Amino acid sequence: MIDRRFFISELCAFSLAGAILLIASSSKSFAAAALAALDKDNDGTLDLAEVKAAAAGVFDKLDKDSDASLDRKEIGGRAGKTQLQQADPDHDGTLTKDEYLGLVEKLFNAADADKDGALNAKDLKSKAGHALLRLIQP
């Protein structure tokens, strides 16, 4: 006879392992999908111009009140409190498009591990790459 506690703990471990694999595989496809959608010159990478163009479009969509700045509510969960504070040099609690694009450029540079000026799918899977994708995905 199988011990119920053992069975339940094994089932939970199996489910957790499955969830981790699902998250890992979706992360790969997420980065690949983002790369495919934003790579305007179809070279398999994103350069800073492509990333900033995408970010500018996202900024415009997020600016619901059309005041040329984004407050914490408009940004939502795309950036953390610390990121917003660092990207807000005038400390007014909002980001202008230039400040938003400055944050995007900072994250681009952090994600560009080999410093070649372009991000590939591997770069986008990094912590900085994920943070960047949150800012540039529509």
N, C-alpha and C. Protein backbone atom coordinates (compact mmCIF):
# COMPACT_ATOMS: atom_id res chain seq x y z
N MET A 1 0.84 -1.18 0.00
CA MET A 1 0.00 0.00 0.00
C MET A 1 0.89 1.25 0.00
N ILE A 2 0.51 2.23 -0.78
CA ILE A 2 1.27 3.47 -0.91
C ILE A 2 0.88 4.44 0.20
N ASP A 3 1.90 4.99 0.83
CA ASP A 3 1.67 6.00 1.86
C ASP A 3 1.15 7.27 1.19
N ARG A 4 0.00 7.77 1.63
CA ARG A 4 -0.63 8.95 1.02
C ARG A 4 0.28 10.18 1.10
N ARG A 5 0.94 10.36 2.25
CA ARG A 5 1.82 11.52 2.40
C ARG A 5 2.96 11.47 1.40
N PHE A 6 3.53 10.30 1.21
CA PHE A 6 4.61 10.14 0.24
C PHE A 6 4.09 10.44 -1.16
N PHE A 7 2.94 9.91 -1.50
CA PHE A 7 2.35 10.11 -2.82
C PHE A 7 2.11 11.60 -3.07
N ILE A 8 1.52 12.28 -2.10
CA ILE A 8 1.22 13.72 -2.25
C ILE A 8 2.51 14.52 -2.38
N SER A 9 3.53 14.21 -1.56
CA SER A 9 4.79 14.97 -1.66
C SER A 9 5.46 14.72 -3.01
N GLU A 10 5.40 13.50 -3.52
CA GLU A 10 5.97 13.20 -4.84
C GLU A 10 5.20 13.92 -5.94
N LEU A 11 3.89 13.95 -5.83
CA LEU A 11 3.06 14.64 -6.80
C LEU A 11 3.38 16.13 -6.81
N CYS A 12 3.54 16.73 -5.63
CA CYS A 12 3.88 18.15 -5.54
C CYS A 12 5.25 18.42 -6.16
N ALA A 13 6.22 17.56 -5.88
CA ALA A 13 7.55 17.73 -6.45
C ALA A 13 7.50 17.62 -7.97
N PHE A 14 6.73 16.65 -8.48
CA PHE A 14 6.58 16.48 -9.91
C PHE A 14 5.93 17.72 -10.53
N SER A 15 4.89 18.24 -9.88
CA SER A 15 4.20 19.42 -10.38
C SER A 15 5.11 20.63 -10.38
N LEU A 16 5.91 20.79 -9.34
CA LEU A 16 6.85 21.90 -9.26
C LEU A 16 7.88 21.81 -10.38
N ALA A 17 8.42 20.63 -10.61
CA ALA A 17 9.39 20.44 -11.69
C ALA A 17 8.77 20.76 -13.04
N GLY A 18 7.53 20.35 -13.24
CA GLY A 18 6.84 20.65 -14.48
C GLY A 18 6.63 22.14 -14.65
N ALA A 19 6.28 22.82 -13.58
CA ALA A 19 6.08 24.27 -13.64
C ALA A 19 7.38 24.98 -13.97
N ILE A 20 8.48 24.53 -13.40
CA ILE A 20 9.78 25.15 -13.68
C ILE A 20 10.14 24.95 -15.15
N LEU A 21 9.93 23.75 -15.67
CA LEU A 21 10.21 23.51 -17.09
C LEU A 21 9.32 24.36 -17.98
N LEU A 22 8.07 24.50 -17.63
CA LEU A 22 7.15 25.31 -18.42
C LEU A 22 7.58 26.77 -18.43
N ILE A 23 7.96 27.28 -17.27
CA ILE A 23 8.42 28.67 -17.19
C ILE A 23 9.69 28.86 -18.01
N ALA A 24 10.61 27.94 -17.90
CA ALA A 24 11.87 28.05 -18.65
C ALA A 24 11.60 28.01 -20.15
N SER A 25 10.74 27.11 -20.60
CA SER A 25 10.48 27.02 -22.03
C SER A 25 9.69 28.21 -22.52
N SER A 26 8.77 28.74 -21.72
CA SER A 26 8.02 29.91 -22.15
C SER A 26 8.92 31.14 -22.17
N SER A 27 9.91 31.19 -21.28
CA SER A 27 10.87 32.28 -21.28
C SER A 27 11.65 32.29 -22.59
N LYS A 28 12.05 31.10 -23.04
CA LYS A 28 12.78 31.01 -24.30
C LYS A 28 11.91 31.48 -25.45
N SER A 29 10.67 31.02 -25.50
CA SER A 29 9.80 31.40 -26.60
C SER A 29 9.42 32.88 -26.50
N PHE A 30 9.30 33.40 -25.28
CA PHE A 30 8.99 34.81 -25.09
C PHE A 30 10.10 35.68 -25.68
N ALA A 31 11.35 35.36 -25.37
CA ALA A 31 12.47 36.12 -25.89
C ALA A 31 12.54 36.00 -27.41
N ALA A 32 12.34 34.80 -27.93
CA ALA A 32 12.39 34.58 -29.37
C ALA A 32 11.25 35.33 -30.07
N ALA A 33 10.06 35.30 -29.48
CA ALA A 33 8.92 36.00 -30.07
C ALA A 33 9.15 37.52 -30.06
N ALA A 34 9.68 38.03 -28.97
CA ALA A 34 9.96 39.46 -28.89
C ALA A 34 11.00 39.86 -29.92
N LEU A 35 12.03 39.04 -30.06
CA LEU A 35 13.08 39.30 -31.04
C LEU A 35 12.49 39.34 -32.44
N ALA A 36 11.68 38.36 -32.77
CA ALA A 36 11.08 38.30 -34.10
C ALA A 36 10.17 39.50 -34.37
N ALA A 37 9.42 39.92 -33.36
CA ALA A 37 8.48 41.02 -33.54
C ALA A 37 9.16 42.38 -33.68
N LEU A 38 10.28 42.56 -33.00
CA LEU A 38 10.92 43.88 -32.95
C LEU A 38 12.11 44.03 -33.90
N ASP A 39 12.57 42.95 -34.47
CA ASP A 39 13.75 42.96 -35.35
C ASP A 39 13.36 43.44 -36.74
N LYS A 40 13.34 44.73 -36.92
CA LYS A 40 12.84 45.33 -38.17
C LYS A 40 13.74 45.04 -39.37
N ASP A 41 15.05 44.89 -39.16
CA ASP A 41 15.94 44.61 -40.29
C ASP A 41 16.20 43.12 -40.49
N ASN A 42 15.52 42.29 -39.70
CA ASN A 42 15.58 40.82 -39.83
C ASN A 42 17.00 40.26 -39.81
N ASP A 43 17.84 40.82 -38.93
CA ASP A 43 19.21 40.30 -38.83
C ASP A 43 19.39 39.36 -37.64
N GLY A 44 18.30 39.05 -36.94
CA GLY A 44 18.37 38.13 -35.81
C GLY A 44 18.79 38.77 -34.51
N THR A 45 18.94 40.09 -34.50
CA THR A 45 19.32 40.81 -33.29
C THR A 45 18.52 42.11 -33.20
N LEU A 46 18.57 42.72 -32.03
CA LEU A 46 17.98 44.04 -31.84
C LEU A 46 19.09 45.03 -31.56
N ASP A 47 19.15 46.09 -32.35
CA ASP A 47 20.10 47.15 -32.05
C ASP A 47 19.38 48.23 -31.23
N LEU A 48 20.14 49.19 -30.75
CA LEU A 48 19.57 50.21 -29.88
C LEU A 48 18.48 51.02 -30.59
N ALA A 49 18.65 51.28 -31.87
CA ALA A 49 17.64 52.05 -32.61
C ALA A 49 16.31 51.29 -32.66
N GLU A 50 16.35 49.99 -32.91
CA GLU A 50 15.13 49.18 -32.93
C GLU A 50 14.47 49.17 -31.56
N VAL A 51 15.27 49.04 -30.54
CA VAL A 51 14.74 48.98 -29.17
C VAL A 51 14.13 50.32 -28.78
N LYS A 52 14.81 51.42 -29.10
CA LYS A 52 14.28 52.74 -28.75
C LYS A 52 13.02 53.06 -29.54
N ALA A 53 12.94 52.63 -30.79
CA ALA A 53 11.72 52.85 -31.58
C ALA A 53 10.54 52.12 -30.94
N ALA A 54 10.77 50.88 -30.53
CA ALA A 54 9.71 50.12 -29.86
C ALA A 54 9.32 50.79 -28.55
N ALA A 55 10.32 51.23 -27.78
CA ALA A 55 10.06 51.87 -26.49
C ALA A 55 9.29 53.17 -26.65
N ALA A 56 9.60 53.95 -27.67
CA ALA A 56 8.89 55.21 -27.91
C ALA A 56 7.42 54.94 -28.21
N GLY A 57 7.15 53.90 -28.98
CA GLY A 57 5.76 53.53 -29.26
C GLY A 57 5.02 53.08 -28.01
N VAL A 58 5.69 52.32 -27.17
CA VAL A 58 5.09 51.88 -25.91
C VAL A 58 4.81 53.07 -25.01
N PHE A 59 5.78 53.98 -24.92
CA PHE A 59 5.60 55.19 -24.11
C PHE A 59 4.32 55.91 -24.54
N ASP A 60 4.17 56.12 -25.85
CA ASP A 60 3.00 56.85 -26.36
C ASP A 60 1.70 56.14 -25.99
N LYS A 61 1.68 54.82 -26.04
CA LYS A 61 0.47 54.06 -25.68
C LYS A 61 0.18 54.14 -24.19
N LEU A 62 1.24 54.14 -23.38
CA LEU A 62 1.05 54.18 -21.93
C LEU A 62 0.62 55.56 -21.44
N ASP A 63 0.94 56.60 -22.18
CA ASP A 63 0.64 57.98 -21.77
C ASP A 63 -0.84 58.29 -22.02
N LYS A 64 -1.70 57.70 -21.20
CA LYS A 64 -3.15 57.79 -21.39
C LYS A 64 -3.69 59.21 -21.25
N ASP A 65 -3.07 60.02 -20.39
CA ASP A 65 -3.56 61.38 -20.19
C ASP A 65 -2.87 62.39 -21.11
N SER A 66 -2.02 61.92 -22.00
CA SER A 66 -1.34 62.74 -23.01
C SER A 66 -0.63 63.96 -22.42
N ASP A 67 0.03 63.75 -21.26
CA ASP A 67 0.76 64.86 -20.66
C ASP A 67 2.27 64.76 -20.91
N ALA A 68 2.67 63.89 -21.82
CA ALA A 68 4.07 63.70 -22.22
C ALA A 68 4.94 63.18 -21.08
N SER A 69 4.32 62.51 -20.11
CA SER A 69 5.07 61.87 -19.04
C SER A 69 4.27 60.68 -18.53
N LEU A 70 5.00 59.77 -17.91
CA LEU A 70 4.36 58.59 -17.33
C LEU A 70 4.52 58.62 -15.82
N ASP A 71 3.41 58.47 -15.11
CA ASP A 71 3.50 58.34 -13.66
C ASP A 71 3.53 56.85 -13.32
N ARG A 72 3.67 56.55 -12.06
CA ARG A 72 3.80 55.16 -11.60
C ARG A 72 2.61 54.31 -12.04
N LYS A 73 1.43 54.90 -12.00
CA LYS A 73 0.22 54.17 -12.38
C LYS A 73 0.25 53.82 -13.88
N GLU A 74 0.66 54.76 -14.71
CA GLU A 74 0.71 54.51 -16.15
C GLU A 74 1.77 53.47 -16.50
N ILE A 75 2.87 53.47 -15.78
CA ILE A 75 3.95 52.51 -16.04
C ILE A 75 3.54 51.12 -15.56
N GLY A 76 2.76 51.09 -14.49
CA GLY A 76 2.30 49.81 -13.96
C GLY A 76 3.45 48.96 -13.49
N GLY A 77 3.43 47.69 -13.79
CA GLY A 77 4.47 46.76 -13.35
C GLY A 77 5.63 46.63 -14.31
N ARG A 78 5.75 47.53 -15.25
CA ARG A 78 6.83 47.43 -16.23
C ARG A 78 8.19 47.76 -15.65
N ALA A 79 8.23 48.56 -14.60
CA ALA A 79 9.50 48.94 -13.97
C ALA A 79 9.31 49.00 -12.47
N GLY A 80 10.35 48.63 -11.75
CA GLY A 80 10.31 48.66 -10.29
C GLY A 80 10.54 50.06 -9.74
N LYS A 81 10.26 50.22 -8.47
CA LYS A 81 10.39 51.51 -7.80
C LYS A 81 11.82 52.06 -7.91
N THR A 82 12.80 51.20 -7.68
CA THR A 82 14.20 51.63 -7.75
C THR A 82 14.57 52.07 -9.16
N GLN A 83 14.13 51.30 -10.15
CA GLN A 83 14.40 51.68 -11.54
C GLN A 83 13.81 53.04 -11.86
N LEU A 84 12.58 53.26 -11.42
CA LEU A 84 11.92 54.54 -11.69
C LEU A 84 12.64 55.69 -11.01
N GLN A 85 13.06 55.49 -9.78
CA GLN A 85 13.78 56.55 -9.08
C GLN A 85 15.09 56.88 -9.78
N GLN A 86 15.81 55.87 -10.23
CA GLN A 86 17.08 56.09 -10.91
C GLN A 86 16.89 56.75 -12.27
N ALA A 87 15.76 56.48 -12.92
CA ALA A 87 15.51 57.04 -14.25
C ALA A 87 14.87 58.43 -14.19
N ASP A 88 14.59 58.91 -13.00
CA ASP A 88 13.90 60.19 -12.80
C ASP A 88 14.84 61.21 -12.17
N PRO A 89 15.74 61.81 -12.97
CA PRO A 89 16.76 62.70 -12.39
C PRO A 89 16.19 63.96 -11.75
N ASP A 90 15.02 64.42 -12.19
CA ASP A 90 14.45 65.62 -11.59
C ASP A 90 13.54 65.29 -10.40
N HIS A 91 13.39 64.01 -10.10
CA HIS A 91 12.64 63.52 -8.93
C HIS A 91 11.23 64.09 -8.82
N ASP A 92 10.57 64.18 -9.99
CA ASP A 92 9.19 64.67 -9.98
C ASP A 92 8.16 63.54 -9.94
N GLY A 93 8.63 62.31 -9.88
CA GLY A 93 7.72 61.17 -9.78
C GLY A 93 7.15 60.71 -11.10
N THR A 94 7.63 61.30 -12.19
CA THR A 94 7.19 60.90 -13.52
C THR A 94 8.40 60.73 -14.43
N LEU A 95 8.19 60.02 -15.53
CA LEU A 95 9.24 59.88 -16.54
C LEU A 95 8.78 60.53 -17.83
N THR A 96 9.61 61.44 -18.34
CA THR A 96 9.37 61.96 -19.68
C THR A 96 9.81 60.89 -20.68
N LYS A 97 9.53 61.12 -21.95
CA LYS A 97 9.94 60.14 -22.96
C LYS A 97 11.47 60.00 -22.96
N ASP A 98 12.19 61.10 -22.83
CA ASP A 98 13.65 61.03 -22.80
C ASP A 98 14.15 60.22 -21.60
N GLU A 99 13.53 60.41 -20.44
CA GLU A 99 13.91 59.65 -19.25
C GLU A 99 13.59 58.16 -19.43
N TYR A 100 12.44 57.88 -20.01
CA TYR A 100 12.04 56.49 -20.28
C TYR A 100 13.03 55.84 -21.25
N LEU A 101 13.37 56.55 -22.30
CA LEU A 101 14.33 56.02 -23.28
C LEU A 101 15.72 55.89 -22.67
N GLY A 102 16.06 56.74 -21.72
CA GLY A 102 17.32 56.61 -21.00
C GLY A 102 17.37 55.33 -20.19
N LEU A 103 16.27 54.99 -19.54
CA LEU A 103 16.18 53.73 -18.80
C LEU A 103 16.28 52.55 -19.75
N VAL A 104 15.62 52.65 -20.89
CA VAL A 104 15.67 51.59 -21.90
C VAL A 104 17.12 51.39 -22.36
N GLU A 105 17.82 52.49 -22.63
CA GLU A 105 19.21 52.39 -23.08
C GLU A 105 20.10 51.77 -21.99
N LYS A 106 19.88 52.14 -20.76
CA LYS A 106 20.65 51.57 -19.65
C LYS A 106 20.45 50.05 -19.59
N LEU A 107 19.21 49.61 -19.70
CA LEU A 107 18.92 48.17 -19.66
C LEU A 107 19.45 47.46 -20.91
N PHE A 108 19.39 48.13 -22.05
CA PHE A 108 19.97 47.58 -23.28
C PHE A 108 21.45 47.30 -23.07
N ASN A 109 22.16 48.29 -22.56
CA ASN A 109 23.60 48.14 -22.34
C ASN A 109 23.91 47.05 -21.31
N ALA A 110 23.06 46.94 -20.28
CA ALA A 110 23.27 45.89 -19.28
C ALA A 110 23.01 44.50 -19.87
N ALA A 111 22.05 44.39 -20.78
CA ALA A 111 21.73 43.10 -21.38
C ALA A 111 22.73 42.70 -22.46
N ASP A 112 23.43 43.66 -23.03
CA ASP A 112 24.39 43.40 -24.12
C ASP A 112 25.68 42.85 -23.53
N ALA A 113 25.66 41.56 -23.21
CA ALA A 113 26.76 40.91 -22.48
C ALA A 113 28.09 41.01 -23.21
N ASP A 114 28.09 40.84 -24.51
CA ASP A 114 29.35 40.86 -25.25
C ASP A 114 29.70 42.25 -25.80
N LYS A 115 28.88 43.23 -25.48
CA LYS A 115 29.11 44.65 -25.84
C LYS A 115 29.33 44.83 -27.35
N ASP A 116 28.53 44.10 -28.14
CA ASP A 116 28.64 44.23 -29.59
C ASP A 116 27.60 45.19 -30.17
N GLY A 117 26.78 45.80 -29.31
CA GLY A 117 25.79 46.77 -29.77
C GLY A 117 24.51 46.15 -30.29
N ALA A 118 24.35 44.84 -30.05
CA ALA A 118 23.14 44.16 -30.52
C ALA A 118 22.74 43.09 -29.50
N LEU A 119 21.45 42.88 -29.37
CA LEU A 119 20.94 41.87 -28.44
C LEU A 119 20.40 40.69 -29.23
N ASN A 120 20.83 39.51 -28.84
CA ASN A 120 20.29 38.29 -29.43
C ASN A 120 19.34 37.65 -28.42
N ALA A 121 18.78 36.50 -28.77
CA ALA A 121 17.81 35.84 -27.88
C ALA A 121 18.44 35.51 -26.52
N LYS A 122 19.70 35.12 -26.51
CA LYS A 122 20.36 34.80 -25.24
C LYS A 122 20.45 36.04 -24.35
N ASP A 123 20.81 37.19 -24.94
CA ASP A 123 20.87 38.43 -24.17
C ASP A 123 19.51 38.79 -23.59
N LEU A 124 18.45 38.56 -24.35
CA LEU A 124 17.11 38.90 -23.89
C LEU A 124 16.62 38.00 -22.77
N LYS A 125 17.25 36.84 -22.59
CA LYS A 125 16.87 35.92 -21.52
C LYS A 125 17.52 36.28 -20.19
N SER A 126 18.44 37.24 -20.20
CA SER A 126 19.10 37.67 -18.96
C SER A 126 18.13 38.49 -18.12
N LYS A 127 18.52 38.75 -16.88
CA LYS A 127 17.69 39.57 -15.98
C LYS A 127 17.47 40.96 -16.60
N ALA A 128 18.53 41.58 -17.09
CA ALA A 128 18.41 42.90 -17.72
C ALA A 128 17.58 42.80 -18.99
N GLY A 129 17.74 41.72 -19.73
CA GLY A 129 16.96 41.51 -20.94
C GLY A 129 15.47 41.42 -20.66
N HIS A 130 15.11 40.70 -19.60
CA HIS A 130 13.70 40.61 -19.21
C HIS A 130 13.17 41.97 -18.78
N ALA A 131 13.96 42.72 -18.03
CA ALA A 131 13.53 44.06 -17.61
C ALA A 131 13.33 44.97 -18.82
N LEU A 132 14.23 44.84 -19.78
CA LEU A 132 14.12 45.63 -21.01
C LEU A 132 12.85 45.25 -21.78
N LEU A 133 12.61 43.96 -21.91
CA LEU A 133 11.42 43.52 -22.64
C LEU A 133 10.13 44.04 -22.02
N ARG A 134 10.09 44.15 -20.70
CA ARG A 134 8.89 44.69 -20.04
C ARG A 134 8.63 46.14 -20.47
N LEU A 135 9.71 46.87 -20.77
CA LEU A 135 9.56 48.27 -21.15
C LEU A 135 9.24 48.47 -22.63
N ILE A 136 9.56 47.49 -23.46
CA ILE A 136 9.41 47.70 -24.91
C ILE A 136 8.32 46.85 -25.54
N GLN A 137 7.74 45.92 -24.78
CA GLN A 137 6.65 45.09 -25.32
C GLN A 137 5.34 45.87 -25.24
N PRO A 138 4.59 45.89 -26.34
CA PRO A 138 3.29 46.60 -26.33
C PRO A 138 2.31 46.01 -25.34
